[in-house]
C-alpha cells in the first residue's frame, strides 16, 4: 500500500480535504481517500494539492510540433495547409511526434487522452509512455472502403499496443469529410466514436450550400448535406451516446436539443476555437441543458499546446465573457470539466475522473510554493488560476509515476524537432 498526502486533496466528487491523503493499492486502484491522520504514514508533498489526473478529452498527439502552420488563415485554408504538410513525413516521424505529445500531456498533469489519430501513432506513444488513452483512428470519404482499407491497416498495426489502458476507437472526421453512410458503418463497429461537428462558419456554409473556401477541394469531399452535420446525422438516426463531439461552437437551440436527446457528449476546446477564429462555444447553455461536457486541448497546431491549465483558464474566462457573468463558470466547475467531465465524455467515469475508492489511481500532484496563491484560501481556485506544467510535481497513472518535475525527455524532443524540419521542407518525400 502506498499513501500520498498533501496540504489538500481535491476529490472532485466531494469537498476538498485539508491535510488529506490518498491510499493506493498494489494493483493501482484507490483504496481510500481522507484525512492523512486517518490513513497512516504517508509520503508528504508540501505546499501542494493532489487531484485526479486531467482528462484531455480531445487531442491530436501526432500534431505536437505543428505549431504556427497557417496561423491567421480561415478554417478551411488552415486545414489544407496541415494536410499538405502532413504528406511530407512518414510513419516513423508521426510516431516520434506523437511520443513528444504524450510526454507533454503527462508533464501537464494529463493522465488520459481521447486522441483522434490519423495514423494510429498515438497508440504506440501512449503504450510506451504509460498514458491512458482511447485512440480514435480517423477515417474520411464517401464510401466504406476506408474501413476495409486505412482503418483496418492502422488497426492491425497498433493491435499490439492496445490494452485495458490504451483502447481503440474510430473517428469519422467530420460531416464535411465523411458521408452519413461512413458514419453509420463506424457506429456499427461498436467502438467509441469521436468526431468534429459544428466547428466553424466555413464548415456550416459548405454543408448548407456547397459554397465557401471548401469549394477549392470539392472533388475530394462528400456532397454537401444541405444542413448542419448535427441535423443531418440526427435525421438519419446517427447520433449516439458513444459519440464524443469536439467543438460544437456554432449551435442553435434545436441542435443543442438534438445533442441532449441523443446523449451525445461534447468536448469543449476553447483555445483552439479562439485561435482559429471559430468563436466561443455556448458552454453555459450546454451545461444547463445537461450535456456531458469535457475539456480538450485539441493540438498545438491550433491551441497551441497540451497545457491543460491554460485550457482550464480559457474555458473559465471565455464562458464568463460570453455570458457577461463572473459566476458563469466557477473554478470548481472548470476543474470538473477537466477531470470528471472529460471522463464522462469518454464513457470512462466509472474508472477515472475523480478520487474515489475503486477507481484507478490516476493522480496529479501540483505544488504552488512561491506562488501568489499561498497561504491557501481556496485550493481549487489556486490550482485553476495558479497551476501550470512547471508546477506539476508528479503525474501517476494507475499508481505508477509516469512524470516527475524536471524530466525533459531530450531524445523525444530531438526526434520530434527533426520531424518538424521535414514538415517545413517542401522537398521531403511523401509517405
Protein backbone atom coordinates (compact mmCIF):
# COMPACT_ATOMS: atom_id res chain seq x y z
CA UNK A 1 0.00 0.00 0.00
CA UNK A 2 1.30 3.44 -0.97
CA UNK A 3 -0.08 6.54 0.77
CA UNK A 4 0.41 10.06 -0.61
CA UNK A 5 -0.55 13.20 1.31
CA UNK A 6 -0.57 16.94 0.69
CA UNK A 7 -1.90 20.19 2.10
CA UNK A 8 -5.12 19.47 0.21
CA UNK A 9 -6.74 16.60 -1.64
CA UNK A 10 -9.35 17.55 -4.26
CA UNK A 11 -11.59 14.53 -4.88
CA UNK A 12 -13.84 16.47 -7.36
CA UNK A 13 -16.78 14.33 -6.24
CA UNK A 14 -16.74 15.71 -2.73
CA UNK A 15 -15.39 18.64 -0.78
CA UNK A 16 -11.65 19.43 -0.63
CA UNK A 17 -9.86 17.66 2.22
CA UNK A 18 -7.35 19.72 4.22
CA UNK A 19 -4.21 17.72 5.06
CA UNK A 20 -5.64 14.90 3.00
CA UNK A 21 -4.22 11.66 1.69
CA UNK A 22 -4.83 9.03 -0.98
CA UNK A 23 -4.05 5.37 -0.36
CA UNK A 24 -3.16 3.31 -3.43
CA UNK A 25 -3.37 -0.47 -3.63
CA UNK A 26 -0.65 -2.55 -5.28
CA UNK A 27 -2.87 -3.05 -8.34
CA UNK A 28 -3.03 0.69 -8.93
CA UNK A 29 -6.55 1.33 -7.65
CA UNK A 30 -7.52 3.83 -4.97
CA UNK A 31 -8.05 2.13 -1.63
CA UNK A 32 -9.07 5.16 0.43
CA UNK A 33 -9.29 8.94 0.38
CA UNK A 34 -9.46 11.02 3.55
CA UNK A 35 -7.57 12.94 6.22
CA UNK A 36 -3.91 11.95 6.35
CA UNK A 37 -4.14 11.36 10.09
CA UNK A 38 -6.63 8.56 9.47
CA UNK A 39 -4.79 6.77 6.64
CA UNK A 40 -1.38 6.22 8.21
CA UNK A 41 2.23 7.07 7.39
CA UNK A 42 2.42 8.82 4.02
CA UNK A 43 4.78 10.41 1.52
CA UNK A 44 4.12 14.10 2.09
CA UNK A 45 4.02 16.86 -0.54
CA UNK A 46 4.38 20.33 0.97
CA UNK A 47 2.53 23.40 -0.38
CA UNK A 48 0.77 21.05 -2.77
CA UNK A 49 -2.54 19.52 -3.76
CA UNK A 50 -3.42 16.04 -5.00
CA UNK A 51 -6.16 15.94 -7.62
CA UNK A 52 -7.45 13.49 -10.24
CA UNK A 53 -5.31 13.37 -13.35
CA UNK A 54 -6.61 15.63 -16.09
CA UNK A 55 -8.63 14.03 -18.88
CA UNK A 56 -7.73 15.67 -22.18
CA UNK A 57 -10.84 14.51 -23.99
CA UNK A 58 -9.88 15.76 -27.45
CA UNK A 59 -6.27 15.76 -28.59
CA UNK A 60 -4.13 15.09 -31.65
CA UNK A 61 -0.78 13.90 -30.32
CA UNK A 62 0.55 13.48 -33.86
CA UNK A 63 0.48 17.28 -34.29
CA UNK A 64 2.65 18.15 -31.30
CA UNK A 65 5.13 20.10 -33.46
CA UNK A 66 2.71 21.66 -35.96
CA UNK A 67 2.56 24.94 -34.06
CA UNK A 68 2.18 28.08 -36.18
CA UNK A 69 1.44 26.41 -39.51
CA UNK A 70 -1.09 28.54 -41.38
CA UNK A 71 -1.67 30.90 -38.48
CA UNK A 72 -4.14 33.62 -39.40
CA UNK A 73 -5.84 31.68 -42.18
CA UNK A 74 -9.54 30.98 -42.05
CA UNK A 75 -10.57 27.48 -41.10
CA UNK A 76 -10.70 25.69 -44.46
CA UNK A 77 -7.38 27.04 -45.84
CA UNK A 78 -5.76 26.34 -42.47
CA UNK A 79 -6.83 22.68 -42.64
CA UNK A 80 -5.47 22.38 -46.18
CA UNK A 81 -2.05 23.69 -45.06
CA UNK A 82 -1.87 20.90 -42.49
CA UNK A 83 -2.98 18.24 -44.96
CA UNK A 84 -0.19 19.28 -47.32
CA UNK A 85 2.45 19.40 -44.56
CA UNK A 86 1.42 16.02 -43.13
CA UNK A 87 2.00 14.38 -46.53
CA UNK A 88 5.71 15.25 -46.24
CA UNK A 89 6.51 12.81 -43.42
CA UNK A 90 6.35 9.07 -42.87
CA UNK A 91 5.00 6.87 -40.10
CA UNK A 92 8.23 6.80 -38.05
CA UNK A 93 8.17 10.58 -37.86
CA UNK A 94 4.48 10.64 -36.95
CA UNK A 95 5.31 8.28 -34.09
CA UNK A 96 8.21 10.48 -32.96
CA UNK A 97 5.92 13.50 -32.85
CA UNK A 98 3.20 11.56 -31.00
CA UNK A 99 5.71 10.42 -28.34
CA UNK A 100 6.58 14.03 -27.62
CA UNK A 101 2.88 14.89 -27.48
CA UNK A 102 2.25 12.10 -24.96
CA UNK A 103 5.17 13.30 -22.84
CA UNK A 104 3.92 16.88 -22.92
CA UNK A 105 0.48 15.73 -21.77
CA UNK A 106 1.98 13.86 -18.82
CA UNK A 107 4.04 16.93 -17.99
CA UNK A 108 0.83 18.96 -17.87
CA UNK A 109 -0.81 16.57 -15.40
CA UNK A 110 -2.84 14.75 -18.06
CA UNK A 111 -3.36 11.06 -17.35
CA UNK A 112 -5.92 10.24 -20.06
CA UNK A 113 -6.41 11.40 -23.64
CA UNK A 114 -9.17 10.92 -26.16
CA UNK A 115 -6.93 11.16 -29.19
CA UNK A 116 -8.04 11.42 -32.81
CA UNK A 117 -5.19 9.76 -34.68
CA UNK A 118 -4.54 9.94 -38.41
CA UNK A 119 -2.05 7.07 -38.49
CA UNK A 120 -2.53 5.34 -35.14
CA UNK A 121 0.86 6.62 -33.95
CA UNK A 122 -0.77 7.84 -30.74
CA UNK A 123 -1.45 4.25 -29.65
CA UNK A 124 2.23 3.32 -29.66
CA UNK A 125 3.19 6.59 -27.98
CA UNK A 126 0.66 6.16 -25.17
CA UNK A 127 1.56 2.50 -24.68
CA UNK A 128 5.27 3.32 -24.40
CA UNK A 129 4.93 6.34 -22.09
CA UNK A 130 2.16 4.98 -19.88
CA UNK A 131 -0.58 7.46 -20.80
CA UNK A 132 -4.17 6.20 -20.61
CA UNK A 133 -5.99 6.66 -23.91
CA UNK A 134 -8.81 6.00 -26.26
CA UNK A 135 -7.17 6.22 -29.67
CA UNK A 136 -9.77 7.05 -32.30
CA UNK A 137 -8.47 6.02 -35.72
CA UNK A 138 -9.56 8.64 -38.24
CA UNK A 139 -11.44 7.83 -41.44
CA UNK A 140 -12.50 10.09 -44.32
CA UNK A 141 -14.51 9.72 -47.51
CA UNK A 142 -17.82 8.81 -49.05
CA UNK A 143 -17.72 5.02 -49.19
CA UNK A 144 -16.95 2.18 -46.83
CA UNK A 145 -13.59 1.28 -48.37
CA UNK A 146 -11.91 3.36 -45.65
CA UNK A 147 -12.91 0.77 -43.05
CA UNK A 148 -11.55 -2.11 -45.10
CA UNK A 149 -8.52 -0.07 -46.10
CA UNK A 150 -6.75 2.50 -43.94
CA UNK A 151 -8.79 1.81 -40.77
CA UNK A 152 -8.17 -1.95 -40.95
CA UNK A 153 -4.48 -1.43 -41.75
CA UNK A 154 -3.95 1.03 -38.91
CA UNK A 155 -5.90 -1.17 -36.51
CA UNK A 156 -3.78 -4.20 -37.36
CA UNK A 157 -0.57 -2.24 -36.96
CA UNK A 158 -1.45 -0.99 -33.47
CA UNK A 159 -3.06 -4.17 -32.13
CA UNK A 160 -0.01 -4.98 -30.02
CA UNK A 161 -0.28 -1.53 -28.38
CA UNK A 162 -3.87 -1.98 -27.23
CA UNK A 163 -4.74 -2.96 -23.65
CA UNK A 164 -7.11 -2.05 -20.85
CA UNK A 165 -5.18 1.22 -20.64
CA UNK A 166 -4.90 2.01 -24.37
CA UNK A 167 -8.20 1.34 -26.10
CA UNK A 168 -9.41 1.51 -29.67
CA UNK A 169 -11.96 3.92 -31.08
CA UNK A 170 -12.92 5.24 -34.50
CA UNK A 171 -13.24 8.81 -35.72
CA UNK A 172 -15.26 9.69 -38.80
CA UNK A 173 -13.51 13.02 -39.10
CA UNK A 174 -16.40 15.43 -39.71
CA UNK A 175 -19.67 15.71 -41.66
CA UNK A 176 -17.92 17.71 -44.39
CA UNK A 177 -15.28 14.98 -44.93
CA UNK A 178 -17.34 11.84 -44.24
CA UNK A 179 -20.62 10.68 -45.71
CA UNK A 180 -23.54 9.65 -43.49
CA UNK A 181 -23.00 6.11 -44.80
CA UNK A 182 -19.47 6.12 -43.41
CA UNK A 183 -20.75 7.43 -40.06
CA UNK A 184 -23.27 4.58 -39.97
CA UNK A 185 -20.60 2.00 -40.70
CA UNK A 186 -18.37 3.43 -37.97
CA UNK A 187 -21.18 3.20 -35.43
CA UNK A 188 -21.79 -0.41 -36.43
CA UNK A 189 -18.25 -1.29 -35.28
CA UNK A 190 -19.42 -0.92 -31.68
CA UNK A 191 -16.38 1.18 -30.76
CA UNK A 192 -16.20 4.56 -29.03
CA UNK A 193 -16.62 7.30 -31.64
CA UNK A 194 -15.12 10.79 -31.86
CA UNK A 195 -15.91 13.42 -34.47
CA UNK A 196 -15.68 17.16 -35.16
CA UNK A 197 -19.01 18.93 -35.63
CA UNK A 198 -20.32 22.49 -35.99
CA UNK A 199 -16.83 23.87 -35.51
CA UNK A 200 -16.68 26.77 -37.95
CA UNK A 201 -18.65 29.06 -40.24
CA UNK A 202 -16.67 27.64 -43.21
CA UNK A 203 -17.96 24.16 -42.35
CA UNK A 204 -21.59 25.19 -41.96
CA UNK A 205 -21.58 27.26 -45.14
CA UNK A 206 -20.19 24.36 -47.17
CA UNK A 207 -22.62 21.83 -45.73
CA UNK A 208 -25.62 24.13 -46.30
CA UNK A 209 -24.87 25.42 -49.78
CA UNK A 210 -21.64 23.99 -51.17
CA UNK A 211 -20.14 27.49 -51.10
CA UNK A 212 -17.10 29.00 -49.45
CA UNK A 213 -13.42 28.08 -49.11
CA UNK A 214 -14.11 24.33 -49.27
CA UNK A 215 -15.15 24.71 -52.93
CA UNK A 216 -11.47 24.51 -53.92
CA UNK A 217 -11.35 20.84 -52.86
CA UNK A 218 -14.97 19.91 -53.58
CA UNK A 219 -13.88 16.96 -55.74
CA UNK A 220 -12.37 15.32 -52.65
CA UNK A 221 -15.35 15.87 -50.35
CA UNK A 222 -18.74 14.18 -50.00
CA UNK A 223 -21.65 16.17 -51.48
CA UNK A 224 -22.96 18.92 -49.16
CA UNK A 225 -25.74 17.71 -46.89
CA UNK A 226 -27.94 20.80 -47.21
CA UNK A 227 -27.90 21.32 -43.44
CA UNK A 228 -25.55 21.19 -40.47
CA UNK A 229 -23.82 17.96 -39.55
CA UNK A 230 -25.78 17.65 -36.31
CA UNK A 231 -29.11 17.96 -38.10
CA UNK A 232 -28.07 15.59 -40.88
CA UNK A 233 -26.81 12.90 -38.51
CA UNK A 234 -29.87 13.23 -36.28
CA UNK A 235 -32.21 12.93 -39.27
CA UNK A 236 -30.57 9.59 -40.13
CA UNK A 237 -30.54 8.27 -36.57
CA UNK A 238 -26.75 8.56 -36.36
CA UNK A 239 -26.36 10.45 -33.09
CA UNK A 240 -25.38 8.19 -30.19
CA UNK A 241 -24.20 8.27 -26.56
CA UNK A 242 -20.99 6.63 -27.84
CA UNK A 243 -20.09 9.82 -29.73
CA UNK A 244 -17.76 12.45 -28.30
CA UNK A 245 -18.35 15.52 -30.47
CA UNK A 246 -15.50 18.00 -30.44
CA UNK A 247 -16.06 21.76 -30.63
CA UNK A 248 -19.82 22.39 -31.22
CA UNK A 249 -19.06 26.11 -31.43
CA UNK A 250 -21.95 27.03 -33.74
CA UNK A 251 -25.09 25.64 -32.11
CA UNK A 252 -28.67 26.81 -32.31
CA UNK A 253 -31.25 25.75 -29.76
CA UNK A 254 -32.64 22.92 -31.90
CA UNK A 255 -29.17 21.46 -32.45
CA UNK A 256 -28.44 21.63 -28.74
CA UNK A 257 -31.69 19.80 -28.06
CA UNK A 258 -30.75 17.10 -30.57
CA UNK A 259 -27.46 16.51 -28.75
CA UNK A 260 -29.30 16.28 -25.43
CA UNK A 261 -31.99 13.94 -26.78
CA UNK A 262 -29.35 11.56 -28.10
CA UNK A 263 -26.97 11.91 -25.11
CA UNK A 264 -24.08 12.94 -27.34
CA UNK A 265 -21.06 14.10 -25.32
CA UNK A 266 -19.32 17.36 -26.22
CA UNK A 267 -15.64 18.20 -25.85
CA UNK A 268 -15.05 21.92 -25.42
CA UNK A 269 -11.77 23.26 -26.89
CA UNK A 270 -11.81 27.00 -26.14
CA UNK A 271 -8.22 27.89 -27.08
CA UNK A 272 -8.40 26.15 -30.45
CA UNK A 273 -11.77 27.71 -31.20
CA UNK A 274 -10.39 31.15 -30.37
CA UNK A 275 -7.11 30.78 -32.25
CA UNK A 276 -8.88 29.70 -35.44
CA UNK A 277 -11.45 32.48 -35.15
CA UNK A 278 -14.30 29.98 -34.91
CA UNK A 279 -15.96 31.67 -31.96
CA UNK A 280 -16.86 30.85 -28.36
CA UNK A 281 -18.94 27.74 -27.80
CA UNK A 282 -22.10 28.14 -25.66
CA UNK A 283 -20.68 26.24 -22.70
CA UNK A 284 -23.16 27.61 -20.16
CA UNK A 285 -26.09 26.52 -22.33
CA UNK A 286 -24.58 23.08 -22.85
CA UNK A 287 -24.10 22.55 -19.14
CA UNK A 288 -27.54 23.92 -18.27
CA UNK A 289 -29.09 21.53 -20.78
CA UNK A 290 -27.45 18.56 -19.06
CA UNK A 291 -24.97 17.57 -21.73
CA UNK A 292 -21.91 15.55 -20.76
CA UNK A 293 -19.15 18.11 -21.40
CA UNK A 294 -15.40 17.57 -21.14
CA UNK A 295 -12.40 19.72 -21.93
CA UNK A 296 -9.78 19.15 -24.62
CA UNK A 297 -6.68 20.95 -25.80
CA UNK A 298 -7.05 19.91 -29.45
CA UNK A 299 -3.46 20.11 -30.75
CA UNK A 300 -0.54 22.55 -30.84
CA UNK A 301 -1.46 23.15 -34.46
CA UNK A 302 -4.15 25.43 -33.10
CA UNK A 303 -4.26 25.54 -29.30
CA UNK A 304 -1.06 25.96 -29.24
CA UNK A 305 -0.04 23.40 -26.57
CA UNK A 306 -1.23 20.46 -24.49
CA UNK A 307 -1.26 22.70 -21.39
CA UNK A 308 -4.46 21.77 -19.54
CA UNK A 309 -4.02 24.60 -17.05
CA UNK A 310 -4.18 27.14 -19.88
CA UNK A 311 -7.21 25.29 -21.25
CA UNK A 312 -8.92 25.46 -17.82
CA UNK A 313 -8.41 29.19 -17.66
CA UNK A 314 -9.53 29.69 -21.26
CA UNK A 315 -12.74 27.80 -20.50
CA UNK A 316 -13.37 29.84 -17.38
CA UNK A 317 -12.59 33.25 -18.89
CA UNK A 318 -14.35 32.73 -22.23
CA UNK A 319 -17.51 31.44 -20.57
CA UNK A 320 -17.63 34.41 -18.22
CA UNK A 321 -17.01 36.80 -21.12
CA UNK A 322 -19.68 35.23 -23.33
CA UNK A 323 -22.31 35.22 -20.57
CA UNK A 324 -21.13 38.53 -19.03
CA UNK A 325 -21.32 36.95 -15.58
CA UNK A 326 -18.42 36.09 -13.24
CA UNK A 327 -20.36 33.08 -11.97
CA UNK A 328 -20.98 31.64 -15.46
CA UNK A 329 -18.27 29.07 -14.71
CA UNK A 330 -16.68 28.71 -11.29
CA UNK A 331 -13.18 27.37 -10.67
CA UNK A 332 -14.66 24.17 -9.24
CA UNK A 333 -16.84 23.70 -12.31
CA UNK A 334 -13.86 24.28 -14.59
CA UNK A 335 -11.81 21.70 -12.70
CA UNK A 336 -14.66 19.20 -13.02
CA UNK A 337 -14.73 19.75 -16.81
CA UNK A 338 -11.03 18.85 -16.98
CA UNK A 339 -11.39 15.70 -14.85
CA UNK A 340 -14.72 14.00 -14.28
CA UNK A 341 -16.37 15.87 -17.17
CA UNK A 342 -13.77 14.53 -19.60
CA UNK A 343 -14.16 11.04 -18.16
CA UNK A 344 -17.92 11.22 -18.69
CA UNK A 345 -17.44 12.44 -22.26
CA UNK A 346 -15.22 9.43 -22.98
CA UNK A 347 -17.50 6.98 -21.15
CA UNK A 348 -14.81 6.27 -18.54
CA UNK A 349 -16.29 7.93 -15.46
CA UNK A 350 -16.71 4.61 -13.64
CA UNK A 351 -12.92 4.20 -13.81
CA UNK A 352 -11.31 7.66 -13.69
CA UNK A 353 -12.01 11.37 -13.28
CA UNK A 354 -12.38 11.64 -9.51
CA UNK A 355 -10.65 10.36 -6.40
CA UNK A 356 -12.81 7.56 -5.04
CA UNK A 357 -12.10 4.04 -3.74
CA UNK A 358 -12.05 1.52 -6.55
CA UNK A 359 -11.12 3.95 -9.31
CA UNK A 360 -7.71 3.92 -10.99
CA UNK A 361 -5.14 5.91 -9.05
CA UNK A 362 -4.63 8.45 -11.83
CA UNK A 363 -3.24 11.38 -9.85
CA UNK A 364 -1.70 14.76 -10.47
CA UNK A 365 0.27 16.49 -7.72
CA UNK A 366 0.59 20.25 -8.10
CA UNK A 367 2.79 22.43 -5.87
CA UNK A 368 2.11 26.15 -5.56
CA UNK A 369 5.16 27.08 -3.48
CA UNK A 370 6.32 30.60 -4.27
CA UNK A 371 3.05 31.47 -5.99
CA UNK A 372 0.72 34.36 -5.05
CA UNK A 373 -1.91 31.78 -4.07
CA UNK A 374 -0.20 30.80 -0.80
CA UNK A 375 -1.11 30.84 2.06
CA UNK A 376 -4.17 28.91 0.95
CA UNK A 377 -7.62 30.43 0.78
CA UNK A 378 -9.39 28.17 -1.74
CA UNK A 379 -7.24 25.31 -3.09
CA UNK A 380 -9.47 24.78 -6.14
CA UNK A 381 -9.20 28.40 -7.23
CA UNK A 382 -5.47 28.28 -6.55
CA UNK A 383 -4.98 25.28 -8.86
CA UNK A 384 -7.20 26.60 -11.64
CA UNK A 385 -5.80 30.12 -11.66
CA UNK A 386 -2.26 29.41 -10.49
CA UNK A 387 -1.38 25.97 -11.83
CA UNK A 388 0.99 25.35 -14.73
CA UNK A 389 3.06 22.46 -16.12
CA UNK A 390 6.15 23.68 -14.29
CA UNK A 391 4.23 23.31 -11.02
CA UNK A 392 3.35 19.66 -11.68
CA UNK A 393 5.38 17.66 -9.17
CA UNK A 394 4.29 14.24 -10.40
CA UNK A 395 1.77 12.52 -12.66
CA UNK A 396 0.70 8.97 -11.78
CA UNK A 397 -1.30 6.54 -13.93
CA UNK A 398 -2.73 3.56 -12.03
CA UNK A 399 -0.43 4.47 -9.15
CA UNK A 400 2.74 4.41 -11.28
CA UNK A 401 4.76 7.60 -11.61
CA UNK A 402 4.90 8.50 -15.29
CA UNK A 403 6.27 12.02 -14.89
CA UNK A 404 8.26 13.86 -12.24
CA UNK A 405 9.06 17.54 -12.17
CA UNK A 406 12.16 18.39 -14.17
CA UNK A 407 12.01 15.48 -16.59
CA UNK A 408 12.82 16.86 -20.04
CA UNK A 409 12.79 13.87 -22.48
CA UNK A 410 15.56 15.38 -24.69
CA UNK A 411 15.60 12.36 -27.00
CA UNK A 412 11.89 12.78 -27.73
CA UNK A 413 12.30 16.50 -28.29
CA UNK A 414 15.17 15.99 -30.70
CA UNK A 415 13.35 13.36 -32.75
CA UNK A 416 10.18 15.45 -32.97
CA UNK A 417 12.17 18.57 -33.86
CA UNK A 418 13.80 16.66 -36.72
CA UNK A 419 10.34 15.64 -37.93
CA UNK A 420 9.20 19.27 -37.83
CA UNK A 421 12.13 20.13 -40.05
CA UNK A 422 10.80 17.72 -42.68
CA UNK A 423 7.32 19.22 -42.33
CA UNK A 424 8.87 22.57 -43.25
CA UNK A 425 10.76 21.19 -46.25
CA UNK A 426 8.75 21.07 -49.50
CA UNK A 427 11.31 18.65 -50.93
CA UNK A 428 10.65 15.96 -48.30
CA UNK A 429 9.39 12.63 -49.67
CA UNK A 430 5.74 11.81 -49.12
CA UNK A 431 4.58 8.77 -47.16
